[in-house]
């Protein structure tokens, strides 16, 4: 019986790369894509907000851009996108809206 387990372990070792130096965690790539998606969407929403509300408010812009960035990340990557966007969307929205509404 011990030989069977040893054979299975060796077969699994051939199928599952070990110590390849590559990170096989699929969430790492997703995190960067979601961050990029949040930044792109926040910029787009902030620009649209300014064109429709020329006398708009920085805080309103941030609220709309944050919500839009989270929605875009969720549509892009599902629940994982929602989880990551919770940390990426608010700063991306603040930066996008700060470019449009600079501090005086």
Protein backbone atom coordinates (compact mmCIF):
# COMPACT_ATOMS: atom_id res chain seq x y z
CA UNK A 1 0.00 0.00 0.00
CA UNK A 2 2.88 2.35 0.72
CA UNK A 3 4.07 2.10 -2.87
CA UNK A 4 0.72 3.30 -4.20
CA UNK A 5 0.85 6.47 -2.10
CA UNK A 6 4.45 7.06 -3.11
CA UNK A 7 3.50 6.71 -6.78
CA UNK A 8 0.59 9.13 -6.35
CA UNK A 9 2.81 11.64 -4.59
CA UNK A 10 5.39 11.45 -7.38
CA UNK A 11 2.67 11.87 -10.03
CA UNK A 12 1.26 14.88 -8.19
CA UNK A 13 4.75 16.34 -8.01
CA UNK A 14 5.00 16.18 -11.78
CA UNK A 15 1.59 17.82 -12.24
CA UNK A 16 1.90 20.54 -9.61
CA UNK A 17 5.01 22.68 -10.12
CA UNK A 18 6.97 23.18 -6.93
CA UNK A 19 9.61 25.79 -6.24
CA UNK A 20 9.42 27.18 -9.76
CA UNK A 21 9.90 30.74 -8.60
CA UNK A 22 6.54 31.64 -10.12
CA UNK A 23 3.66 32.81 -8.02
CA UNK A 24 0.71 30.64 -8.97
CA UNK A 25 -1.83 32.60 -6.91
CA UNK A 26 -4.44 33.85 -9.41
CA UNK A 27 -5.49 36.69 -7.11
CA UNK A 28 -2.20 38.56 -7.53
CA UNK A 29 -2.85 39.32 -11.18
CA UNK A 30 -6.47 40.11 -10.45
CA UNK A 31 -5.51 42.69 -7.83
CA UNK A 32 -3.48 44.78 -10.30
CA UNK A 33 -6.17 44.53 -12.97
CA UNK A 34 -8.86 45.66 -10.55
CA UNK A 35 -6.70 48.57 -9.38
CA UNK A 36 -6.20 49.67 -12.98
CA UNK A 37 -9.92 49.29 -13.73
CA UNK A 38 -10.79 51.44 -10.69
CA UNK A 39 -8.39 54.18 -11.78
CA UNK A 40 -9.68 54.22 -15.36
CA UNK A 41 -13.34 54.30 -14.30
CA UNK A 42 -12.79 56.94 -11.61
CA UNK A 43 -11.07 59.23 -14.15
CA UNK A 44 -13.89 58.75 -16.62
CA UNK A 45 -16.63 59.44 -14.07
CA UNK A 46 -14.83 62.50 -12.69
CA UNK A 47 -14.53 63.97 -16.20
CA UNK A 48 -18.20 63.26 -16.92
CA UNK A 49 -19.20 64.79 -13.58
CA UNK A 50 -17.33 68.01 -14.40
CA UNK A 51 -18.90 68.29 -17.85
CA UNK A 52 -22.41 67.86 -16.47
CA UNK A 53 -21.86 69.88 -13.27
CA UNK A 54 -19.36 72.69 -13.98
CA UNK A 55 -19.99 74.17 -10.52
CA UNK A 56 -19.82 70.73 -8.90
CA UNK A 57 -18.42 69.78 -5.57
CA UNK A 58 -15.29 67.73 -4.80
CA UNK A 59 -17.07 65.52 -2.25
CA UNK A 60 -19.94 64.71 -4.63
CA UNK A 61 -17.43 63.88 -7.34
CA UNK A 62 -15.58 61.50 -4.99
CA UNK A 63 -18.81 59.77 -3.96
CA UNK A 64 -19.90 59.19 -7.55
CA UNK A 65 -16.46 58.16 -8.77
CA UNK A 66 -16.02 55.71 -5.88
CA UNK A 67 -19.39 54.07 -6.49
CA UNK A 68 -18.72 53.86 -10.23
CA UNK A 69 -15.25 52.39 -9.74
CA UNK A 70 -16.58 49.72 -7.38
CA UNK A 71 -19.37 48.87 -9.82
CA UNK A 72 -16.89 48.62 -12.70
CA UNK A 73 -14.54 46.39 -10.71
CA UNK A 74 -17.45 44.15 -9.71
CA UNK A 75 -18.58 43.87 -13.32
CA UNK A 76 -15.00 43.16 -14.38
CA UNK A 77 -14.03 40.58 -11.77
CA UNK A 78 -17.11 39.58 -9.79
CA UNK A 79 -16.97 39.26 -6.00
CA UNK A 80 -13.18 39.30 -6.01
CA UNK A 81 -13.28 42.62 -7.84
CA UNK A 82 -15.67 44.00 -5.24
CA UNK A 83 -13.38 42.95 -2.42
CA UNK A 84 -10.27 44.49 -3.95
CA UNK A 85 -12.08 47.62 -5.15
CA UNK A 86 -13.07 48.47 -1.57
CA UNK A 87 -9.43 49.39 -0.98
CA UNK A 88 -8.57 50.77 -4.43
CA UNK A 89 -11.66 52.75 -5.46
CA UNK A 90 -11.75 55.52 -2.81
CA UNK A 91 -8.13 56.66 -3.33
CA UNK A 92 -8.51 56.44 -7.12
CA UNK A 93 -11.67 58.54 -6.94
CA UNK A 94 -10.04 61.16 -4.69
CA UNK A 95 -7.07 61.49 -7.06
CA UNK A 96 -9.30 61.75 -10.14
CA UNK A 97 -11.54 64.38 -8.54
CA UNK A 98 -8.60 66.32 -7.09
CA UNK A 99 -7.25 66.76 -10.63
CA UNK A 100 -10.58 68.30 -11.59
CA UNK A 101 -11.18 70.26 -8.40
CA UNK A 102 -7.73 71.41 -7.25
CA UNK A 103 -7.41 72.76 -3.74
CA UNK A 104 -7.45 76.52 -3.46
